Amino acid sequence: MGDAVMTTRRQVDGATVVDVRGTLDSATVDALREVLLETLQRDRPTAMIVDLTYVTFMDSVGIGALVAGQRAARNIGARFQLRNPSDFVHRQLRVTGLTELLGCI
């Protein structure tokens, strides 16, 4: 795949929201992982919401980046949730048993 992943960060009701667009695969996932971990370390939010509305594809390395974000959030005491995963992405999370861990809303 390899379509560039684009992220934006914003604050909503005290939570940091990271909007993600594109594909999450081995060619793009490092950018997302860096944004998640850097934002958590620097801003230390009480909650991080990753909006996946415009993610068109995600493979196992994409899931790995989200798990890394969830662990980093847990380590600083922040809540971590995924918002609006597409049917494809939600199916990937469900098959791997990660919908509860990653808090899909």
C-alpha atoms as a PDB file:
ATOM      1  CA  MET A   1       0.000   0.000   0.000  1.00  0.00           C
ATOM      2  CA  GLY A   2       2.177   2.827   1.266  1.00  0.00           C
ATOM      3  CA  ASP A   3      -0.142   5.816   0.832  1.00  0.00           C
ATOM      4  CA  ALA A   4       1.168   8.526   3.124  1.00  0.00           C
ATOM      5  CA  VAL A   5      -0.370   8.673   6.554  1.00  0.00           C
ATOM      6  CA  MET A   6      -1.419  12.168   7.569  1.00  0.00           C
ATOM      7  CA  THR A   7      -2.075  13.165  11.151  1.00  0.00           C
ATOM      8  CA  THR A   8      -3.356  16.276  12.847  1.00  0.00           C
ATOM      9  CA  ARG A   9      -3.630  16.930  16.566  1.00  0.00           C
ATOM     10  CA  ARG A  10      -6.284  18.949  18.338  1.00  0.00           C
ATOM     11  CA  GLN A  11      -7.753  19.400  21.806  1.00  0.00           C
ATOM     12  CA  VAL A  12     -11.398  18.495  22.459  1.00  0.00           C
ATOM     13  CA  ASP A  13     -12.931  18.613  25.938  1.00  0.00           C
ATOM     14  CA  GLY A  14      -9.550  18.101  27.594  1.00  0.00           C
ATOM     15  CA  ALA A  15      -8.527  15.167  25.386  1.00  0.00           C
ATOM     16  CA  THR A  16      -5.885  15.158  22.684  1.00  0.00           C
ATOM     17  CA  VAL A  17      -7.439  13.931  19.446  1.00  0.00           C
ATOM     18  CA  VAL A  18      -5.149  12.584  16.744  1.00  0.00           C
ATOM     19  CA  ASP A  19      -6.882  12.473  13.358  1.00  0.00           C
ATOM     20  CA  VAL A  20      -5.354   9.869  11.044  1.00  0.00           C
ATOM     21  CA  ARG A  21      -5.804   9.611   7.256  1.00  0.00           C
ATOM     22  CA  GLY A  22      -4.497   7.116   4.740  1.00  0.00           C
ATOM     23  CA  THR A  23      -3.131   3.614   5.172  1.00  0.00           C
ATOM     24  CA  LEU A  24      -1.391   2.146   8.199  1.00  0.00           C
ATOM     25  CA  ASP A  25       1.150  -0.353   6.936  1.00  0.00           C
ATOM     26  CA  SER A  26       4.903  -0.935   7.065  1.00  0.00           C
ATOM     27  CA  ALA A  27       5.573   1.993   4.727  1.00  0.00           C
ATOM     28  CA  THR A  28       3.669   4.553   6.818  1.00  0.00           C
ATOM     29  CA  VAL A  29       3.317   3.332  10.383  1.00  0.00           C
ATOM     30  CA  ASP A  30       6.478   4.929  11.785  1.00  0.00           C
ATOM     31  CA  ALA A  31       4.962   8.386  11.314  1.00  0.00           C
ATOM     32  CA  LEU A  32       1.879   7.466  13.343  1.00  0.00           C
ATOM     33  CA  ARG A  33       3.875   5.750  16.086  1.00  0.00           C
ATOM     34  CA  GLU A  34       6.100   8.829  16.388  1.00  0.00           C
ATOM     35  CA  VAL A  35       3.131  11.206  16.638  1.00  0.00           C
ATOM     36  CA  LEU A  36       1.395   9.089  19.280  1.00  0.00           C
ATOM     37  CA  LEU A  37       4.441   8.529  21.475  1.00  0.00           C
ATOM     38  CA  GLU A  38       5.816  12.054  21.112  1.00  0.00           C
ATOM     39  CA  THR A  39       2.454  13.657  21.881  1.00  0.00           C
ATOM     40  CA  LEU A  40       1.917  11.485  24.953  1.00  0.00           C
ATOM     41  CA  GLN A  41       5.429  12.158  26.257  1.00  0.00           C
ATOM     42  CA  ARG A  42       5.422  15.898  25.561  1.00  0.00           C
ATOM     43  CA  ASP A  43       1.833  16.875  26.379  1.00  0.00           C
ATOM     44  CA  ARG A  44       0.975  14.180  28.957  1.00  0.00           C
ATOM     45  CA  PRO A  45      -2.774  14.413  28.229  1.00  0.00           C
ATOM     46  CA  THR A  46      -5.331  12.761  30.489  1.00  0.00           C
ATOM     47  CA  ALA A  47      -6.915  11.166  27.410  1.00  0.00           C
ATOM     48  CA  MET A  48      -5.900  10.444  23.824  1.00  0.00           C
ATOM     49  CA  ILE A  49      -8.449   9.679  21.134  1.00  0.00           C
ATOM     50  CA  VAL A  50      -7.217   8.372  17.786  1.00  0.00           C
ATOM     51  CA  ASP A  51      -9.793   9.126  15.097  1.00  0.00           C
ATOM     52  CA  LEU A  52      -9.597   6.484  12.360  1.00  0.00           C
ATOM     53  CA  THR A  53     -12.504   7.746  10.246  1.00  0.00           C
ATOM     54  CA  TYR A  54     -10.310   8.227   7.169  1.00  0.00           C
ATOM     55  CA  VAL A  55      -8.005   5.220   7.544  1.00  0.00           C
ATOM     56  CA  THR A  56      -8.593   3.084   4.470  1.00  0.00           C
ATOM     57  CA  PHE A  57      -6.313   0.146   5.291  1.00  0.00           C
ATOM     58  CA  MET A  58      -4.481  -1.208   8.314  1.00  0.00           C
ATOM     59  CA  ASP A  59      -2.299  -4.291   8.676  1.00  0.00           C
ATOM     60  CA  SER A  60      -0.587  -5.876  11.672  1.00  0.00           C
ATOM     61  CA  VAL A  61       2.101  -3.194  11.940  1.00  0.00           C
ATOM     62  CA  GLY A  62      -0.617  -0.544  12.068  1.00  0.00           C
ATOM     63  CA  ILE A  63      -2.255  -2.450  14.892  1.00  0.00           C
ATOM     64  CA  GLY A  64       1.148  -2.643  16.576  1.00  0.00           C
ATOM     65  CA  ALA A  65       1.495   1.149  16.480  1.00  0.00           C
ATOM     66  CA  LEU A  66      -1.903   1.546  18.124  1.00  0.00           C
ATOM     67  CA  VAL A  67      -0.974  -0.971  20.826  1.00  0.00           C
ATOM     68  CA  ALA A  68       2.277   0.954  21.432  1.00  0.00           C
ATOM     69  CA  GLY A  69       0.229   4.129  21.810  1.00  0.00           C
ATOM     70  CA  GLN A  70      -2.142   2.431  24.234  1.00  0.00           C
ATOM     71  CA  ARG A  71       0.758   1.168  26.360  1.00  0.00           C
ATOM     72  CA  ALA A  72       2.422   4.579  26.415  1.00  0.00           C
ATOM     73  CA  ALA A  73      -0.880   6.179  27.436  1.00  0.00           C
ATOM     74  CA  ARG A  74      -1.375   3.629  30.201  1.00  0.00           C
ATOM     75  CA  ASN A  75       2.162   4.294  31.468  1.00  0.00           C
ATOM     76  CA  ILE A  76       1.339   7.963  32.070  1.00  0.00           C
ATOM     77  CA  GLY A  77      -2.151   7.264  33.390  1.00  0.00           C
ATOM     78  CA  ALA A  78      -3.979   8.504  30.283  1.00  0.00           C
ATOM     79  CA  ARG A  79      -7.083   6.964  28.732  1.00  0.00           C
ATOM     80  CA  PHE A  80      -6.588   5.749  25.126  1.00  0.00           C
ATOM     81  CA  GLN A  81      -9.472   5.236  22.704  1.00  0.00           C
ATOM     82  CA  LEU A  82     -10.050   4.705  19.015  1.00  0.00           C
ATOM     83  CA  ARG A  83     -12.876   6.579  17.334  1.00  0.00           C
ATOM     84  CA  ASN A  84     -14.815   5.725  14.179  1.00  0.00           C
ATOM     85  CA  PRO A  85     -12.806   2.834  12.747  1.00  0.00           C
ATOM     86  CA  SER A  86     -14.034   1.831   9.288  1.00  0.00           C
ATOM     87  CA  ASP A  87     -15.688  -1.568   8.950  1.00  0.00           C
ATOM     88  CA  PHE A  88     -12.418  -2.988   7.608  1.00  0.00           C
ATOM     89  CA  VAL A  89     -10.328  -1.579  10.474  1.00  0.00           C
ATOM     90  CA  HIS A  90     -12.900  -2.611  13.081  1.00  0.00           C
ATOM     91  CA  ARG A  91     -12.878  -6.140  11.661  1.00  0.00           C
ATOM     92  CA  GLN A  92      -9.054  -6.243  11.909  1.00  0.00           C
ATOM     93  CA  LEU A  93      -9.241  -5.190  15.556  1.00  0.00           C
ATOM     94  CA  ARG A  94     -12.025  -7.645  16.339  1.00  0.00           C
ATOM     95  CA  VAL A  95     -10.192 -10.576  14.705  1.00  0.00           C
ATOM     96  CA  THR A  96      -7.093  -9.831  16.778  1.00  0.00           C
ATOM     97  CA  GLY A  97      -9.153  -9.469  19.958  1.00  0.00           C
ATOM     98  CA  LEU A  98      -8.045  -5.876  20.513  1.00  0.00           C
ATOM     99  CA  THR A  99     -11.316  -3.937  20.363  1.00  0.00           C
ATOM    100  CA  GLU A 100     -11.629  -3.862  24.148  1.00  0.00           C
ATOM    101  CA  LEU A 101      -7.944  -3.192  24.863  1.00  0.00           C
ATOM    102  CA  LEU A 102      -7.876  -0.297  22.419  1.00  0.00           C
ATOM    103  CA  GLY A 103     -11.262   1.063  23.471  1.00  0.00           C
ATOM    104  CA  CYS A 104     -13.155   1.462  20.199  1.00  0.00           C
ATOM    105  CA  ILE A 105     -15.849   4.143  20.423  1.00  0.00           C
END
